[in-house]
C-alpha atoms as a PDB file:
ATOM      1  CA  MET A   1       6.421 -22.464 -32.106  1.00  0.00           C
ATOM      2  CA  LYS A   2       3.551 -19.662 -33.651  1.00  0.00           C
ATOM      3  CA  LYS A   3       1.367 -20.674 -30.511  1.00  0.00           C
ATOM      4  CA  THR A   4       4.354 -19.719 -28.135  1.00  0.00           C
ATOM      5  CA  ILE A   5       4.920 -16.305 -29.898  1.00  0.00           C
ATOM      6  CA  PHE A   6       1.204 -14.816 -30.242  1.00  0.00           C
ATOM      7  CA  ILE A   7       0.759 -16.061 -26.645  1.00  0.00           C
ATOM      8  CA  PHE A   8       4.044 -13.807 -25.874  1.00  0.00           C
ATOM      9  CA  TYR A   9       2.745 -10.514 -27.615  1.00  0.00           C
ATOM     10  CA  MET A  10      -0.755 -11.190 -26.439  1.00  0.00           C
ATOM     11  CA  VAL A  11       1.035 -10.663 -22.566  1.00  0.00           C
ATOM     12  CA  LEU A  12       3.126  -7.844 -23.640  1.00  0.00           C
ATOM     13  CA  MET A  13       0.215  -6.189 -25.363  1.00  0.00           C
ATOM     14  CA  ILE A  14      -1.409  -6.506 -21.891  1.00  0.00           C
ATOM     15  CA  CYS A  15       1.356  -5.113 -20.158  1.00  0.00           C
ATOM     16  CA  LEU A  16       1.460  -2.083 -22.511  1.00  0.00           C
ATOM     17  CA  MET A  17      -2.106  -1.208 -22.484  1.00  0.00           C
ATOM     18  CA  THR A  18      -2.122  -1.209 -18.612  1.00  0.00           C
ATOM     19  CA  GLY A  19       0.941   0.204 -18.170  1.00  0.00           C
ATOM     20  CA  CYS A  20       2.283  -2.539 -16.186  1.00  0.00           C
ATOM     21  CA  THR A  21       0.944  -0.649 -13.320  1.00  0.00           C
ATOM     22  CA  TYR A  22       0.099  -3.623 -10.884  1.00  0.00           C
ATOM     23  CA  TYR A  23       3.387  -5.660  -9.992  1.00  0.00           C
ATOM     24  CA  ASN A  24       4.741  -7.258  -6.885  1.00  0.00           C
ATOM     25  CA  VAL A  25       7.832  -9.005  -6.453  1.00  0.00           C
ATOM     26  CA  SER A  26       8.587 -10.424  -2.719  1.00  0.00           C
ATOM     27  CA  ALA A  27      10.906 -12.870  -0.649  1.00  0.00           C
ATOM     28  CA  ILE A  28       9.421 -13.696   2.695  1.00  0.00           C
ATOM     29  CA  ASN A  29       6.430 -11.435   2.634  1.00  0.00           C
ATOM     30  CA  VAL A  30       3.688 -12.276   4.849  1.00  0.00           C
ATOM     31  CA  GLU A  31       0.600  -9.978   4.504  1.00  0.00           C
ATOM     32  CA  ASN A  32      -2.609  -9.778   6.963  1.00  0.00           C
ATOM     33  CA  ARG A  33      -5.349  -7.769   6.421  1.00  0.00           C
ATOM     34  CA  LYS A  34      -8.314  -7.099   8.642  1.00  0.00           C
ATOM     35  CA  GLU A  35     -11.338  -4.826   8.680  1.00  0.00           C
ATOM     36  CA  ASN A  36      -9.804  -1.917  10.402  1.00  0.00           C
ATOM     37  CA  SER A  37      -5.947  -3.072   9.984  1.00  0.00           C
ATOM     38  CA  ILE A  38      -3.048  -3.815   7.713  1.00  0.00           C
ATOM     39  CA  THR A  39       0.321  -5.504   8.237  1.00  0.00           C
ATOM     40  CA  ARG A  40       3.211  -6.457   5.989  1.00  0.00           C
ATOM     41  CA  SER A  41       6.584  -8.241   7.273  1.00  0.00           C
ATOM     42  CA  SER A  42       9.102  -8.574   4.487  1.00  0.00           C
ATOM     43  CA  SER A  43      12.494  -9.348   3.875  1.00  0.00           C
ATOM     44  CA  TYR A  44      12.026  -7.987   0.354  1.00  0.00           C
ATOM     45  CA  TRP A  45       8.936  -6.133  -1.429  1.00  0.00           C
ATOM     46  CA  SER A  46       8.720  -4.349  -4.413  1.00  0.00           C
ATOM     47  CA  GLY A  47       5.414  -3.641  -5.469  1.00  0.00           C
ATOM     48  CA  LEU A  48       1.822  -1.767  -5.458  1.00  0.00           C
ATOM     49  CA  GLN A  49      -0.910  -2.662  -3.859  1.00  0.00           C
ATOM     50  CA  LYS A  50      -4.094  -0.617  -4.393  1.00  0.00           C
ATOM     51  CA  GLY A  51      -7.864  -0.756  -3.328  1.00  0.00           C
ATOM     52  CA  ASP A  52      -8.127  -0.972   0.295  1.00  0.00           C
ATOM     53  CA  ARG A  53     -10.844   0.685   1.512  1.00  0.00           C
ATOM     54  CA  LEU A  54     -10.932   3.012   4.729  1.00  0.00           C
ATOM     55  CA  GLU A  55     -13.906   4.122   6.624  1.00  0.00           C
ATOM     56  CA  VAL A  56     -13.318   6.853   9.042  1.00  0.00           C
ATOM     57  CA  ASN A  57     -15.173   9.115  11.030  1.00  0.00           C
ATOM     58  CA  GLU A  58     -14.540  13.070  11.408  1.00  0.00           C
ATOM     59  CA  GLY A  59     -11.808  13.380  13.885  1.00  0.00           C
ATOM     60  CA  GLU A  60     -10.697   9.519  13.798  1.00  0.00           C
ATOM     61  CA  VAL A  61      -7.045   8.581  13.420  1.00  0.00           C
ATOM     62  CA  VAL A  62      -5.144   6.681  10.389  1.00  0.00           C
ATOM     63  CA  ASN A  63      -1.610   5.258  11.816  1.00  0.00           C
ATOM     64  CA  PHE A  64       1.207   4.025  10.046  1.00  0.00           C
ATOM     65  CA  ASN A  65       3.539   2.193  12.100  1.00  0.00           C
ATOM     66  CA  ILE A  66       6.717   2.031  10.030  1.00  0.00           C
ATOM     67  CA  GLU A  67      10.086  -0.020  10.955  1.00  0.00           C
ATOM     68  CA  MET A  68      12.173  -0.705   7.844  1.00  0.00           C
ATOM     69  CA  GLU A  69      15.717  -1.387   7.741  1.00  0.00           C
ATOM     70  CA  LYS A  70      15.939  -0.655   4.031  1.00  0.00           C
ATOM     71  CA  GLY A  71      14.256   0.395   0.820  1.00  0.00           C
ATOM     72  CA  ASN A  72      11.575   2.576   0.530  1.00  0.00           C
ATOM     73  CA  VAL A  73       7.650   2.647   1.190  1.00  0.00           C
ATOM     74  CA  THR A  74       5.204   5.162   0.213  1.00  0.00           C
ATOM     75  CA  PHE A  75       1.290   5.389   1.603  1.00  0.00           C
ATOM     76  CA  ILE A  76      -1.194   7.290  -0.047  1.00  0.00           C
ATOM     77  CA  LEU A  77      -4.681   8.041   0.972  1.00  0.00           C
ATOM     78  CA  GLU A  78      -7.600   9.310  -1.966  1.00  0.00           C
ATOM     79  CA  ASP A  79     -10.745  10.225  -1.232  1.00  0.00           C
ATOM     80  CA  SER A  80     -13.919   8.894  -3.029  1.00  0.00           C
ATOM     81  CA  GLU A  81     -13.122  11.689  -5.654  1.00  0.00           C
ATOM     82  CA  GLY A  82      -9.876  10.510  -6.230  1.00  0.00           C
ATOM     83  CA  LYS A  83      -7.695  13.403  -4.682  1.00  0.00           C
ATOM     84  CA  GLU A  84      -4.657  12.926  -2.686  1.00  0.00           C
ATOM     85  CA  VAL A  85      -5.741  13.630   0.837  1.00  0.00           C
ATOM     86  CA  PHE A  86      -2.131  12.322   2.485  1.00  0.00           C
ATOM     87  CA  THR A  87       0.800  11.053   1.376  1.00  0.00           C
ATOM     88  CA  VAL A  88       3.771   9.658   2.820  1.00  0.00           C
ATOM     89  CA  THR A  89       6.999   8.165   1.793  1.00  0.00           C
ATOM     90  CA  LYS A  90      10.163   7.114   4.110  1.00  0.00           C
ATOM     91  CA  GLU A  91      13.512   5.820   2.397  1.00  0.00           C
ATOM     92  CA  GLY A  92      16.343   3.725   4.249  1.00  0.00           C
ATOM     93  CA  ALA A  93      16.132   2.871   7.835  1.00  0.00           C
ATOM     94  CA  TYR A  94      13.214   4.334   9.590  1.00  0.00           C
ATOM     95  CA  SER A  95      11.176   3.647  12.828  1.00  0.00           C
ATOM     96  CA  GLY A  96       8.418   5.568  13.539  1.00  0.00           C
ATOM     97  CA  THR A  97       4.896   6.512  13.403  1.00  0.00           C
ATOM     98  CA  GLU A  98       2.865   8.891  10.557  1.00  0.00           C
ATOM     99  CA  THR A  99      -0.694   9.648  11.850  1.00  0.00           C
ATOM    100  CA  TYR A 100      -3.410  11.148   9.519  1.00  0.00           C
ATOM    101  CA  VAL A 101      -6.649  12.458  10.772  1.00  0.00           C
ATOM    102  CA  SER A 102      -9.871  12.673   9.050  1.00  0.00           C
ATOM    103  CA  GLU A 103     -11.866  16.411   9.043  1.00  0.00           C
ATOM    104  CA  LYS A 104     -14.988  14.379   8.014  1.00  0.00           C
ATOM    105  CA  THR A 105     -16.906  11.389   8.100  1.00  0.00           C
ATOM    106  CA  GLU A 106     -15.185   9.756   4.583  1.00  0.00           C
ATOM    107  CA  THR A 107     -14.309   6.988   2.895  1.00  0.00           C
ATOM    108  CA  LEU A 108     -10.851   6.862   2.059  1.00  0.00           C
ATOM    109  CA  TRP A 109      -8.849   4.236  -0.723  1.00  0.00           C
ATOM    110  CA  LEU A 110      -4.779   3.253   0.401  1.00  0.00           C
ATOM    111  CA  THR A 111      -2.469   3.117  -2.051  1.00  0.00           C
ATOM    112  CA  GLU A 112       0.702   0.913  -0.506  1.00  0.00           C
ATOM    113  CA  LYS A 113       4.407   1.275  -2.961  1.00  0.00           C
ATOM    114  CA  GLY A 114       7.284  -0.491  -1.763  1.00  0.00           C
ATOM    115  CA  LYS A 115      10.991  -0.710  -3.568  1.00  0.00           C
ATOM    116  CA  GLY A 116      13.187  -2.939  -1.926  1.00  0.00           C
ATOM    117  CA  PHE A 117      11.178  -2.877   1.548  1.00  0.00           C
ATOM    118  CA  LYS A 118      12.736  -4.855   4.124  1.00  0.00           C
ATOM    119  CA  GLY A 119      10.759  -4.512   7.323  1.00  0.00           C
ATOM    120  CA  LYS A 120       7.405  -3.991   8.670  1.00  0.00           C
ATOM    121  CA  TYR A 121       4.397  -1.904   9.059  1.00  0.00           C
ATOM    122  CA  GLU A 122       0.950  -1.723  10.597  1.00  0.00           C
ATOM    123  CA  ILE A 123      -1.855   0.631   9.373  1.00  0.00           C
ATOM    124  CA  ILE A 124      -4.374   1.081  11.746  1.00  0.00           C
ATOM    125  CA  TRP A 125      -7.703   2.940  11.699  1.00  0.00           C
ATOM    126  CA  GLY A 126     -11.171   3.257  13.226  1.00  0.00           C
ATOM    127  CA  GLU A 127     -12.497   1.103  16.231  1.00  0.00           C
ATOM    128  CA  GLU A 128      -9.240  -0.857  15.953  1.00  0.00           C
ATOM    129  CA  GLU A 129      -7.275   2.317  16.802  1.00  0.00           C
ATOM    130  CA  GLU A 130      -9.466   2.606  19.785  1.00  0.00           C
ATOM    131  CA  ASN A 131      -8.102  -0.587  21.007  1.00  0.00           C
END
């Protein structure tokens, strides 16, 4: 019994120390990450996905193709210094494309956030986008 309580408190402490910033709850969720594209199709997704690196050249386009029935989704691009260079949030039923055009050759870091997201999205950049 004491061991179980100890483990519970350790997990609780870890969550408190990290701020519980990394969580993912999903149902029928399919993700595909390739070199220059990311896709997700889900009947329910609430979570946070961080850490995808996008290498873009000056003038290259990053397209966010979104088709969602409900919930919300947010995409954030940060530069190598951690400054946000692009953010898009969509809520409810939405179908369309949002675009970021790189002003210089750089490395960007992508954060994906979803809350009750139902639908699909595709993020395409670089050589994949040219095809």
